[in-house]
Each structure stands twice: as structure tokens, then as C-alpha cells.
PDB file of all heavy atoms in Angstrom:
ATOM      1  N   HIS A   1      23.319 -13.421   0.971  1.00  0.00           N
ATOM      2  CA  HIS A   1      22.486 -12.520   1.833  1.00  0.00           C
ATOM      3  C   HIS A   1      22.214 -11.155   1.147  1.00  0.00           C
ATOM      4  O   HIS A   1      21.123 -10.605   1.305  1.00  0.00           O
ATOM      5  CB  HIS A   1      23.177 -12.279   3.168  1.00  0.00           C
ATOM      6  CG  HIS A   1      23.415 -13.552   3.968  1.00  0.00           C
ATOM      7  ND1 HIS A   1      22.330 -14.106   4.583  1.00  0.00           N
ATOM      8  CD2 HIS A   1      24.509 -14.260   4.157  1.00  0.00           C
ATOM      9  CE1 HIS A   1      22.733 -15.290   5.212  1.00  0.00           C
ATOM     10  NE2 HIS A   1      24.044 -15.322   5.052  1.00  0.00           N
ATOM     11  N   GLY A   2      23.077 -10.740   0.264  1.00  0.00           N
ATOM     12  CA  GLY A   2      22.843  -9.482  -0.532  1.00  0.00           C
ATOM     13  C   GLY A   2      21.672  -9.786  -1.483  1.00  0.00           C
ATOM     14  O   GLY A   2      20.806  -8.900  -1.596  1.00  0.00           O
ATOM     15  N   HIS A   3      21.611 -10.898  -2.142  1.00  0.00           N
ATOM     16  CA  HIS A   3      20.474 -11.251  -3.078  1.00  0.00           C
ATOM     17  C   HIS A   3      19.131 -11.274  -2.326  1.00  0.00           C
ATOM     18  O   HIS A   3      18.119 -10.733  -2.733  1.00  0.00           O
ATOM     19  CB  HIS A   3      20.726 -12.521  -3.814  1.00  0.00           C
ATOM     20  CG  HIS A   3      19.660 -12.939  -4.647  1.00  0.00           C
ATOM     21  ND1 HIS A   3      19.499 -12.484  -5.912  1.00  0.00           N
ATOM     22  CD2 HIS A   3      18.637 -13.865  -4.447  1.00  0.00           C
ATOM     23  CE1 HIS A   3      18.415 -13.064  -6.513  1.00  0.00           C
ATOM     24  NE2 HIS A   3      17.867 -13.777  -5.587  1.00  0.00           N
ATOM     25  N   TRP A   4      19.203 -12.097  -1.174  1.00  0.00           N
ATOM     26  CA  TRP A   4      17.986 -12.252  -0.406  1.00  0.00           C
ATOM     27  C   TRP A   4      17.385 -10.911   0.093  1.00  0.00           C
ATOM     28  O   TRP A   4      16.291 -10.647   0.022  1.00  0.00           O
ATOM     29  CB  TRP A   4      18.234 -13.205   0.710  1.00  0.00           C
ATOM     30  CG  TRP A   4      18.304 -14.596   0.340  1.00  0.00           C
ATOM     31  CD1 TRP A   4      17.916 -15.129  -0.818  1.00  0.00           C
ATOM     32  CD2 TRP A   4      18.863 -15.608   1.208  1.00  0.00           C
ATOM     33  NE1 TRP A   4      18.151 -16.522  -0.781  1.00  0.00           N
ATOM     34  CE2 TRP A   4      18.735 -16.801   0.391  1.00  0.00           C
ATOM     35  CE3 TRP A   4      19.417 -15.691   2.458  1.00  0.00           C
ATOM     36  CZ2 TRP A   4      19.189 -18.087   0.891  1.00  0.00           C
ATOM     37  CZ3 TRP A   4      19.798 -16.960   2.907  1.00  0.00           C
ATOM     38  CH2 TRP A   4      19.767 -18.074   2.122  1.00  0.00           C
ATOM     39  N   CYS A   5      18.360 -10.101   0.549  1.00  0.00           N
ATOM     40  CA  CYS A   5      17.892  -8.763   1.124  1.00  0.00           C
ATOM     41  C   CYS A   5      17.360  -7.877   0.006  1.00  0.00           C
ATOM     42  O   CYS A   5      16.420  -7.250   0.239  1.00  0.00           O
ATOM     43  CB  CYS A   5      19.113  -8.070   1.768  1.00  0.00           C
ATOM     44  SG  CYS A   5      18.735  -6.439   2.486  1.00  0.00           S
ATOM     45  N   TYR A   6      17.956  -7.873  -1.129  1.00  0.00           N
ATOM     46  CA  TYR A   6      17.501  -7.144  -2.275  1.00  0.00           C
ATOM     47  C   TYR A   6      16.064  -7.686  -2.689  1.00  0.00           C
ATOM     48  O   TYR A   6      15.164  -6.783  -2.915  1.00  0.00           O
ATOM     49  CB  TYR A   6      18.467  -7.224  -3.445  1.00  0.00           C
ATOM     50  CG  TYR A   6      18.138  -6.375  -4.599  1.00  0.00           C
ATOM     51  CD1 TYR A   6      18.660  -5.047  -4.603  1.00  0.00           C
ATOM     52  CD2 TYR A   6      17.475  -6.783  -5.701  1.00  0.00           C
ATOM     53  CE1 TYR A   6      18.290  -4.122  -5.598  1.00  0.00           C
ATOM     54  CE2 TYR A   6      17.177  -5.947  -6.715  1.00  0.00           C
ATOM     55  CZ  TYR A   6      17.606  -4.617  -6.701  1.00  0.00           C
ATOM     56  OH  TYR A   6      17.274  -3.730  -7.691  1.00  0.00           O
ATOM     57  N   ALA A   7      15.824  -8.896  -2.775  1.00  0.00           N
ATOM     58  CA  ALA A   7      14.593  -9.431  -3.195  1.00  0.00           C
ATOM     59  C   ALA A   7      13.510  -9.132  -2.135  1.00  0.00           C
ATOM     60  O   ALA A   7      12.389  -8.779  -2.401  1.00  0.00           O
ATOM     61  CB  ALA A   7      14.707 -10.925  -3.411  1.00  0.00           C
ATOM     62  N   ARG A   8      13.924  -9.266  -0.838  1.00  0.00           N
ATOM     63  CA  ARG A   8      12.871  -8.998   0.216  1.00  0.00           C
ATOM     64  C   ARG A   8      12.482  -7.477   0.268  1.00  0.00           C
ATOM     65  O   ARG A   8      11.323  -7.180   0.357  1.00  0.00           O
ATOM     66  CB  ARG A   8      13.468  -9.367   1.618  1.00  0.00           C
ATOM     67  CG  ARG A   8      13.631 -10.880   1.765  1.00  0.00           C
ATOM     68  CD  ARG A   8      14.349 -11.078   3.135  1.00  0.00           C
ATOM     69  NE  ARG A   8      14.649 -12.527   3.237  1.00  0.00           N
ATOM     70  CZ  ARG A   8      15.548 -13.007   3.916  1.00  0.00           C
ATOM     71  NH1 ARG A   8      16.418 -12.270   4.544  1.00  0.00           N
ATOM     72  NH2 ARG A   8      15.757 -14.366   4.002  1.00  0.00           N
ATOM     73  N   LEU A   9      13.467  -6.629   0.087  1.00  0.00           N
ATOM     74  CA  LEU A   9      13.201  -5.203   0.106  1.00  0.00           C
ATOM     75  C   LEU A   9      12.257  -4.801  -1.089  1.00  0.00           C
ATOM     76  O   LEU A   9      11.317  -4.007  -0.928  1.00  0.00           O
ATOM     77  CB  LEU A   9      14.428  -4.402   0.112  1.00  0.00           C
ATOM     78  CG  LEU A   9      15.213  -4.366   1.428  1.00  0.00           C
ATOM     79  CD1 LEU A   9      16.535  -3.581   1.176  1.00  0.00           C
ATOM     80  CD2 LEU A   9      14.369  -3.650   2.434  1.00  0.00           C
ATOM     81  N   ALA A  10      12.593  -5.386  -2.214  1.00  0.00           N
ATOM     82  CA  ALA A  10      11.733  -5.119  -3.435  1.00  0.00           C
ATOM     83  C   ALA A  10      10.241  -5.580  -3.189  1.00  0.00           C
ATOM     84  O   ALA A  10       9.339  -4.865  -3.601  1.00  0.00           O
ATOM     85  CB  ALA A  10      12.289  -5.777  -4.678  1.00  0.00           C
ATOM     86  N   LYS A  11      10.104  -6.746  -2.661  1.00  0.00           N
ATOM     87  CA  LYS A  11       8.731  -7.239  -2.407  1.00  0.00           C
ATOM     88  C   LYS A  11       8.017  -6.429  -1.294  1.00  0.00           C
ATOM     89  O   LYS A  11       6.829  -6.145  -1.370  1.00  0.00           O
ATOM     90  CB  LYS A  11       8.782  -8.669  -1.941  1.00  0.00           C
ATOM     91  CG  LYS A  11       9.145  -9.613  -3.116  1.00  0.00           C
ATOM     92  CD  LYS A  11       9.212 -11.028  -2.658  1.00  0.00           C
ATOM     93  CE  LYS A  11       9.633 -12.006  -3.841  1.00  0.00           C
ATOM     94  NZ  LYS A  11       9.806 -13.311  -3.360  1.00  0.00           N
ATOM     95  N   MET A  12       8.770  -5.916  -0.360  1.00  0.00           N
ATOM     96  CA  MET A  12       8.183  -5.169   0.782  1.00  0.00           C
ATOM     97  C   MET A  12       7.835  -3.878   0.316  1.00  0.00           C
ATOM     98  O   MET A  12       6.744  -3.278   0.734  1.00  0.00           O
ATOM     99  CB  MET A  12       9.127  -5.176   1.977  1.00  0.00           C
ATOM    100  CG  MET A  12       9.273  -6.422   2.659  1.00  0.00           C
ATOM    101  SD  MET A  12       7.795  -7.382   2.962  1.00  0.00           S
ATOM    102  CE  MET A  12       6.760  -6.325   3.794  1.00  0.00           C
ATOM    103  N   VAL A  13       8.517  -3.202  -0.554  1.00  0.00           N
ATOM    104  CA  VAL A  13       8.131  -1.902  -1.186  1.00  0.00           C
ATOM    105  C   VAL A  13       6.795  -2.043  -1.873  1.00  0.00           C
ATOM    106  O   VAL A  13       5.832  -1.252  -1.702  1.00  0.00           O
ATOM    107  CB  VAL A  13       9.147  -1.299  -2.074  1.00  0.00           C
ATOM    108  CG1 VAL A  13       8.686  -0.246  -2.913  1.00  0.00           C
ATOM    109  CG2 VAL A  13      10.382  -0.894  -1.276  1.00  0.00           C
ATOM    110  N   ILE A  14       6.635  -3.085  -2.656  1.00  0.00           N
ATOM    111  CA  ILE A  14       5.373  -3.332  -3.414  1.00  0.00           C
ATOM    112  C   ILE A  14       4.238  -3.627  -2.366  1.00  0.00           C
ATOM    113  O   ILE A  14       3.159  -3.065  -2.588  1.00  0.00           O
ATOM    114  CB  ILE A  14       5.626  -4.496  -4.375  1.00  0.00           C
ATOM    115  CG1 ILE A  14       6.528  -4.132  -5.481  1.00  0.00           C
ATOM    116  CG2 ILE A  14       4.288  -4.902  -4.932  1.00  0.00           C
ATOM    117  CD1 ILE A  14       6.963  -5.240  -6.356  1.00  0.00           C
ATOM    118  N   TYR A  15       4.549  -4.368  -1.340  1.00  0.00           N
ATOM    119  CA  TYR A  15       3.561  -4.644  -0.343  1.00  0.00           C
ATOM    120  C   TYR A  15       3.107  -3.379   0.358  1.00  0.00           C
ATOM    121  O   TYR A  15       1.849  -3.187   0.539  1.00  0.00           O
ATOM    122  CB  TYR A  15       4.097  -5.629   0.735  1.00  0.00           C
ATOM    123  CG  TYR A  15       3.202  -5.721   1.858  1.00  0.00           C
ATOM    124  CD1 TYR A  15       1.989  -6.471   1.830  1.00  0.00           C
ATOM    125  CD2 TYR A  15       3.479  -5.164   3.168  1.00  0.00           C
ATOM    126  CE1 TYR A  15       1.161  -6.544   2.861  1.00  0.00           C
ATOM    127  CE2 TYR A  15       2.707  -5.271   4.208  1.00  0.00           C
ATOM    128  CZ  TYR A  15       1.523  -5.945   4.111  1.00  0.00           C
ATOM    129  OH  TYR A  15       0.668  -6.118   5.156  1.00  0.00           O
ATOM    130  N   PHE A  16       3.962  -2.471   0.704  1.00  0.00           N
ATOM    131  CA  PHE A  16       3.629  -1.226   1.376  1.00  0.00           C
ATOM    132  C   PHE A  16       2.840  -0.278   0.519  1.00  0.00           C
ATOM    133  O   PHE A  16       1.875   0.387   0.884  1.00  0.00           O
ATOM    134  CB  PHE A  16       4.765  -0.555   2.011  1.00  0.00           C
ATOM    135  CG  PHE A  16       5.269  -1.188   3.274  1.00  0.00           C
ATOM    136  CD1 PHE A  16       6.599  -1.722   3.295  1.00  0.00           C
ATOM    137  CD2 PHE A  16       4.468  -1.259   4.341  1.00  0.00           C
ATOM    138  CE1 PHE A  16       7.022  -2.340   4.450  1.00  0.00           C
ATOM    139  CE2 PHE A  16       4.897  -1.935   5.564  1.00  0.00           C
ATOM    140  CZ  PHE A  16       6.151  -2.459   5.516  1.00  0.00           C
ATOM    141  N   PHE A  17       3.141  -0.249  -0.816  1.00  0.00           N
ATOM    142  CA  PHE A  17       2.371   0.544  -1.754  1.00  0.00           C
ATOM    143  C   PHE A  17       0.941   0.005  -1.819  1.00  0.00           C
ATOM    144  O   PHE A  17      -0.035   0.683  -1.835  1.00  0.00           O
ATOM    145  CB  PHE A  17       2.975   0.523  -3.145  1.00  0.00           C
ATOM    146  CG  PHE A  17       3.982   1.610  -3.333  1.00  0.00           C
ATOM    147  CD1 PHE A  17       5.309   1.278  -3.631  1.00  0.00           C
ATOM    148  CD2 PHE A  17       3.714   2.943  -3.201  1.00  0.00           C
ATOM    149  CE1 PHE A  17       6.346   2.280  -3.830  1.00  0.00           C
ATOM    150  CE2 PHE A  17       4.667   3.925  -3.232  1.00  0.00           C
ATOM    151  CZ  PHE A  17       5.930   3.621  -3.690  1.00  0.00           C
ATOM    152  N   TYR A  18       0.810  -1.381  -1.946  1.00  0.00           N
ATOM    153  CA  TYR A  18      -0.485  -2.054  -2.017  1.00  0.00           C
ATOM    154  C   TYR A  18      -1.306  -1.749  -0.774  1.00  0.00           C
ATOM    155  O   TYR A  18      -2.483  -1.348  -0.876  1.00  0.00           O
ATOM    156  CB  TYR A  18      -0.307  -3.554  -2.197  1.00  0.00           C
ATOM    157  CG  TYR A  18      -1.543  -4.357  -2.067  1.00  0.00           C
ATOM    158  CD1 TYR A  18      -2.486  -4.292  -3.062  1.00  0.00           C
ATOM    159  CD2 TYR A  18      -1.821  -5.053  -0.943  1.00  0.00           C
ATOM    160  CE1 TYR A  18      -3.640  -5.037  -3.015  1.00  0.00           C
ATOM    161  CE2 TYR A  18      -2.984  -5.847  -0.790  1.00  0.00           C
ATOM    162  CZ  TYR A  18      -3.874  -5.770  -1.829  1.00  0.00           C
ATOM    163  OH  TYR A  18      -5.040  -6.541  -1.719  1.00  0.00           O
ATOM    164  N   LYS A  19      -0.729  -1.877   0.420  1.00  0.00           N
ATOM    165  CA  LYS A  19      -1.440  -1.609   1.716  1.00  0.00           C
ATOM    166  C   LYS A  19      -1.926  -0.195   1.769  1.00  0.00           C
ATOM    167  O   LYS A  19      -3.085   0.053   2.138  1.00  0.00           O
ATOM    168  CB  LYS A  19      -0.475  -1.877   2.846  1.00  0.00           C
ATOM    169  CG  LYS A  19      -1.056  -1.583   4.188  1.00  0.00           C
ATOM    170  CD  LYS A  19      -0.004  -1.775   5.260  1.00  0.00           C
ATOM    171  CE  LYS A  19       0.829  -0.557   5.321  1.00  0.00           C
ATOM    172  NZ  LYS A  19       0.943   0.243   6.528  1.00  0.00           N
ATOM    173  N   ASN A  20      -1.087   0.716   1.379  1.00  0.00           N
ATOM    174  CA  ASN A  20      -1.434   2.134   1.491  1.00  0.00           C
ATOM    175  C   ASN A  20      -2.503   2.526   0.436  1.00  0.00           C
ATOM    176  O   ASN A  20      -3.366   3.348   0.721  1.00  0.00           O
ATOM    177  CB  ASN A  20      -0.286   3.084   1.525  1.00  0.00           C
ATOM    178  CG  ASN A  20       0.548   2.994   2.688  1.00  0.00           C
ATOM    179  OD1 ASN A  20       0.004   2.816   3.773  1.00  0.00           O
ATOM    180  ND2 ASN A  20       1.831   2.998   2.611  1.00  0.00           N
ATOM    181  N   VAL A  21      -2.348   1.941  -0.751  1.00  0.00           N
ATOM    182  CA  VAL A  21      -3.311   2.273  -1.766  1.00  0.00           C
ATOM    183  C   VAL A  21      -4.800   1.687  -1.357  1.00  0.00           C
ATOM    184  O   VAL A  21      -5.733   2.351  -1.571  1.00  0.00           O
ATOM    185  CB  VAL A  21      -2.925   1.627  -3.201  1.00  0.00           C
ATOM    186  CG1 VAL A  21      -4.072   1.573  -4.092  1.00  0.00           C
ATOM    187  CG2 VAL A  21      -1.812   2.480  -3.759  1.00  0.00           C
ATOM    188  N   CYS A  22      -4.764   0.531  -0.793  1.00  0.00           N
ATOM    189  CA  CYS A  22      -6.043  -0.071  -0.338  1.00  0.00           C
ATOM    190  C   CYS A  22      -6.610   0.836   0.721  1.00  0.00           C
ATOM    191  O   CYS A  22      -7.834   1.193   0.782  1.00  0.00           O
ATOM    192  CB  CYS A  22      -5.774  -1.434   0.153  1.00  0.00           C
ATOM    193  SG  CYS A  22      -5.521  -2.685  -1.093  1.00  0.00           S
ATOM    194  N   TYR A  23      -5.845   1.249   1.655  1.00  0.00           N
ATOM    195  CA  TYR A  23      -6.324   2.077   2.835  1.00  0.00           C
ATOM    196  C   TYR A  23      -6.825   3.409   2.334  1.00  0.00           C
ATOM    197  O   TYR A  23      -7.897   3.918   2.732  1.00  0.00           O
ATOM    198  CB  TYR A  23      -5.272   2.223   3.873  1.00  0.00           C
ATOM    199  CG  TYR A  23      -5.712   2.868   5.077  1.00  0.00           C
ATOM    200  CD1 TYR A  23      -6.589   2.233   5.952  1.00  0.00           C
ATOM    201  CD2 TYR A  23      -5.310   4.136   5.430  1.00  0.00           C
ATOM    202  CE1 TYR A  23      -7.054   2.858   7.115  1.00  0.00           C
ATOM    203  CE2 TYR A  23      -5.753   4.741   6.606  1.00  0.00           C
ATOM    204  CZ  TYR A  23      -6.647   4.071   7.399  1.00  0.00           C
ATOM    205  OH  TYR A  23      -7.083   4.647   8.538  1.00  0.00           O
ATOM    206  N   VAL A  24      -6.028   4.122   1.477  1.00  0.00           N
ATOM    207  CA  VAL A  24      -6.470   5.456   0.917  1.00  0.00           C
ATOM    208  C   VAL A  24      -7.714   5.291   0.056  1.00  0.00           C
ATOM    209  O   VAL A  24      -8.602   6.123   0.152  1.00  0.00           O
ATOM    210  CB  VAL A  24      -5.309   6.122   0.178  1.00  0.00           C
ATOM    211  CG1 VAL A  24      -5.728   7.271  -0.510  1.00  0.00           C
ATOM    212  CG2 VAL A  24      -4.207   6.491   1.231  1.00  0.00           C
ATOM    213  N   ASN A  25      -7.778   4.239  -0.732  1.00  0.00           N
ATOM    214  CA  ASN A  25      -8.938   4.022  -1.583  1.00  0.00           C
ATOM    215  C   ASN A  25     -10.224   3.822  -0.743  1.00  0.00           C
ATOM    216  O   ASN A  25     -11.258   4.423  -1.082  1.00  0.00           O
ATOM    217  CB  ASN A  25      -8.739   2.722  -2.454  1.00  0.00           C
ATOM    218  CG  ASN A  25      -9.759   2.749  -3.614  1.00  0.00           C
ATOM    219  OD1 ASN A  25     -10.385   3.703  -3.896  1.00  0.00           O
ATOM    220  ND2 ASN A  25      -9.802   1.511  -4.102  1.00  0.00           N
ATOM    221  N   LEU A  26     -10.069   3.206   0.385  1.00  0.00           N
ATOM    222  CA  LEU A  26     -11.214   3.042   1.390  1.00  0.00           C
ATOM    223  C   LEU A  26     -11.640   4.329   1.931  1.00  0.00           C
ATOM    224  O   LEU A  26     -12.837   4.714   1.973  1.00  0.00           O
ATOM    225  CB  LEU A  26     -10.829   2.092   2.449  1.00  0.00           C
ATOM    226  CG  LEU A  26     -11.880   1.663   3.439  1.00  0.00           C
ATOM    227  CD1 LEU A  26     -12.928   0.830   2.756  1.00  0.00           C
ATOM    228  CD2 LEU A  26     -11.256   0.878   4.561  1.00  0.00           C
ATOM    229  N   LEU A  27     -10.675   5.160   2.334  1.00  0.00           N
ATOM    230  CA  LEU A  27     -10.991   6.557   2.856  1.00  0.00           C
ATOM    231  C   LEU A  27     -11.580   7.475   1.718  1.00  0.00           C
ATOM    232  O   LEU A  27     -12.481   8.198   1.991  1.00  0.00           O
ATOM    233  CB  LEU A  27      -9.703   7.212   3.364  1.00  0.00           C
ATOM    234  CG  LEU A  27      -9.136   6.471   4.655  1.00  0.00           C
ATOM    235  CD1 LEU A  27      -7.909   7.306   4.997  1.00  0.00           C
ATOM    236  CD2 LEU A  27     -10.146   6.678   5.765  1.00  0.00           C
ATOM    237  N   PHE A  28     -11.128   7.292   0.504  1.00  0.00           N
ATOM    238  CA  PHE A  28     -11.645   8.091  -0.610  1.00  0.00           C
ATOM    239  C   PHE A  28     -13.077   7.857  -0.817  1.00  0.00           C
ATOM    240  O   PHE A  28     -13.958   8.781  -0.909  1.00  0.00           O
ATOM    241  CB  PHE A  28     -10.863   7.818  -1.885  1.00  0.00           C
ATOM    242  CG  PHE A  28     -11.330   8.450  -3.138  1.00  0.00           C
ATOM    243  CD1 PHE A  28     -11.112   9.869  -3.355  1.00  0.00           C
ATOM    244  CD2 PHE A  28     -12.035   7.798  -4.054  1.00  0.00           C
ATOM    245  CE1 PHE A  28     -11.605  10.461  -4.416  1.00  0.00           C
ATOM    246  CE2 PHE A  28     -12.542   8.393  -5.206  1.00  0.00           C
ATOM    247  CZ  PHE A  28     -12.335   9.794  -5.416  1.00  0.00           C
ATOM    248  N   TRP A  29     -13.487   6.544  -0.877  1.00  0.00           N
ATOM    249  CA  TRP A  29     -14.914   6.207  -1.261  1.00  0.00           C
ATOM    250  C   TRP A  29     -15.714   6.561   0.051  1.00  0.00           C
ATOM    251  O   TRP A  29     -16.929   6.905  -0.053  1.00  0.00           O
ATOM    252  CB  TRP A  29     -15.001   4.710  -1.553  1.00  0.00           C
ATOM    253  CG  TRP A  29     -14.469   4.577  -2.911  1.00  0.00           C
ATOM    254  CD1 TRP A  29     -13.347   3.834  -3.251  1.00  0.00           C
ATOM    255  CD2 TRP A  29     -14.999   5.025  -4.193  1.00  0.00           C
ATOM    256  NE1 TRP A  29     -13.117   3.937  -4.604  1.00  0.00           N
ATOM    257  CE2 TRP A  29     -14.193   4.624  -5.183  1.00  0.00           C
ATOM    258  CE3 TRP A  29     -16.107   5.904  -4.477  1.00  0.00           C
ATOM    259  CZ2 TRP A  29     -14.304   4.972  -6.512  1.00  0.00           C
ATOM    260  CZ3 TRP A  29     -16.255   6.248  -5.876  1.00  0.00           C
ATOM    261  CH2 TRP A  29     -15.442   5.746  -6.827  1.00  0.00           C
ATOM    262  N   TYR A  30     -15.254   6.550   1.206  1.00  0.00           N
ATOM    263  CA  TYR A  30     -15.986   6.928   2.447  1.00  0.00           C
ATOM    264  C   TYR A  30     -16.352   8.453   2.378  1.00  0.00           C
ATOM    265  O   TYR A  30     -17.331   8.795   2.923  1.00  0.00           O
ATOM    266  CB  TYR A  30     -15.102   6.642   3.735  1.00  0.00           C
ATOM    267  CG  TYR A  30     -15.837   7.058   4.929  1.00  0.00           C
ATOM    268  CD1 TYR A  30     -16.932   6.305   5.446  1.00  0.00           C
ATOM    269  CD2 TYR A  30     -15.432   8.099   5.697  1.00  0.00           C
ATOM    270  CE1 TYR A  30     -17.596   6.684   6.568  1.00  0.00           C
ATOM    271  CE2 TYR A  30     -16.132   8.513   6.869  1.00  0.00           C
ATOM    272  CZ  TYR A  30     -17.208   7.834   7.266  1.00  0.00           C
ATOM    273  OH  TYR A  30     -17.841   8.235   8.406  1.00  0.00           O
ATOM    274  N   GLN A  31     -15.454   9.248   1.793  1.00  0.00           N
ATOM    275  CA  GLN A  31     -15.748  10.650   1.711  1.00  0.00           C
ATOM    276  C   GLN A  31     -16.985  10.911   0.867  1.00  0.00           C
ATOM    277  O   GLN A  31     -17.750  11.889   1.083  1.00  0.00           O
ATOM    278  CB  GLN A  31     -14.519  11.436   1.212  1.00  0.00           C
ATOM    279  CG  GLN A  31     -13.370  11.523   2.199  1.00  0.00           C
ATOM    280  CD  GLN A  31     -13.849  12.021   3.493  1.00  0.00           C
ATOM    281  OE1 GLN A  31     -14.524  13.065   3.648  1.00  0.00           O
ATOM    282  NE2 GLN A  31     -13.413  11.409   4.575  1.00  0.00           N
ATOM    283  N   PHE A  32     -17.252  10.139  -0.165  1.00  0.00           N
ATOM    284  CA  PHE A  32     -18.507  10.218  -0.942  1.00  0.00           C
ATOM    285  C   PHE A  32     -19.646   9.959  -0.086  1.00  0.00           C
ATOM    286  O   PHE A  32     -20.686  10.567  -0.104  1.00  0.00           O
ATOM    287  CB  PHE A  32     -18.425   9.338  -2.196  1.00  0.00           C
ATOM    288  CG  PHE A  32     -17.642   9.828  -3.327  1.00  0.00           C
ATOM    289  CD1 PHE A  32     -16.447   9.223  -3.590  1.00  0.00           C
ATOM    290  CD2 PHE A  32     -17.955  10.962  -3.974  1.00  0.00           C
ATOM    291  CE1 PHE A  32     -15.566   9.638  -4.629  1.00  0.00           C
ATOM    292  CE2 PHE A  32     -17.250  11.400  -5.047  1.00  0.00           C
ATOM    293  CZ  PHE A  32     -15.989  10.694  -5.339  1.00  0.00           C
ATOM    294  N   PHE A  33     -19.538   8.953   0.802  1.00  0.00           N
ATOM    295  CA  PHE A  33     -20.576   8.488   1.664  1.00  0.00           C
ATOM    296  C   PHE A  33     -20.951   9.599   2.721  1.00  0.00           C
ATOM    297  O   PHE A  33     -22.178   9.832   2.959  1.00  0.00           O
ATOM    298  CB  PHE A  33     -20.221   7.207   2.385  1.00  0.00           C
ATOM    299  CG  PHE A  33     -21.233   6.739   3.435  1.00  0.00           C
ATOM    300  CD1 PHE A  33     -22.418   6.096   2.926  1.00  0.00           C
ATOM    301  CD2 PHE A  33     -21.020   6.824   4.736  1.00  0.00           C
ATOM    302  CE1 PHE A  33     -23.326   5.767   3.866  1.00  0.00           C
ATOM    303  CE2 PHE A  33     -21.865   6.456   5.648  1.00  0.00           C
ATOM    304  CZ  PHE A  33     -23.063   5.865   5.231  1.00  0.00           C
ATOM    305  N   CYS A  34     -19.943  10.244   3.179  1.00  0.00           N
ATOM    306  CA  CYS A  34     -20.242  11.279   4.283  1.00  0.00           C
ATOM    307  C   CYS A  34     -20.311  12.694   3.744  1.00  0.00           C
ATOM    308  O   CYS A  34     -20.396  13.671   4.518  1.00  0.00           O
ATOM    309  CB  CYS A  34     -19.183  11.151   5.380  1.00  0.00           C
ATOM    310  SG  CYS A  34     -17.582  11.748   4.874  1.00  0.00           S
ATOM    311  N   GLY A  35     -20.331  12.820   2.429  1.00  0.00           N
ATOM    312  CA  GLY A  35     -20.437  14.138   1.802  1.00  0.00           C
ATOM    313  C   GLY A  35     -19.299  15.063   1.932  1.00  0.00           C
ATOM    314  O   GLY A  35     -19.463  16.248   2.058  1.00  0.00           O
ATOM    315  N   PHE A  36     -18.137  14.480   1.926  1.00  0.00           N
ATOM    316  CA  PHE A  36     -16.854  15.303   1.995  1.00  0.00           C
ATOM    317  C   PHE A  36     -16.792  16.196   3.282  1.00  0.00           C
ATOM    318  O   PHE A  36     -16.357  17.281   3.175  1.00  0.00           O
ATOM    319  CB  PHE A  36     -16.585  16.071   0.720  1.00  0.00           C
ATOM    320  CG  PHE A  36     -16.412  15.172  -0.436  1.00  0.00           C
ATOM    321  CD1 PHE A  36     -17.400  14.913  -1.312  1.00  0.00           C
ATOM    322  CD2 PHE A  36     -15.165  14.704  -0.735  1.00  0.00           C
ATOM    323  CE1 PHE A  36     -17.306  14.033  -2.362  1.00  0.00           C
ATOM    324  CE2 PHE A  36     -14.998  13.903  -1.800  1.00  0.00           C
ATOM    325  CZ  PHE A  36     -15.980  13.564  -2.625  1.00  0.00           C
TER     326      PHE A  36
END
């Protein structure tokens, strides 16, 4: 259970970084569209 928990947490940290980078990237390019 320690190994499984460690592996799951590592994958979930990467997933949350990916999710937030995608969302912030979308907002960043939208600011160019609406003129900041």
C-alpha cells in the first residue's frame, strides 16, 4: 500500500500540473484576444 500510494501521488501531482498549465495557457491566449 505504501508503494501504490507513492506511485498514485506522483502521478496525480503531474496530472494537476498538466491540468493547471492547460487552463492557464488558455487564459493567457485569451488575454491577447480581448486586448488585456
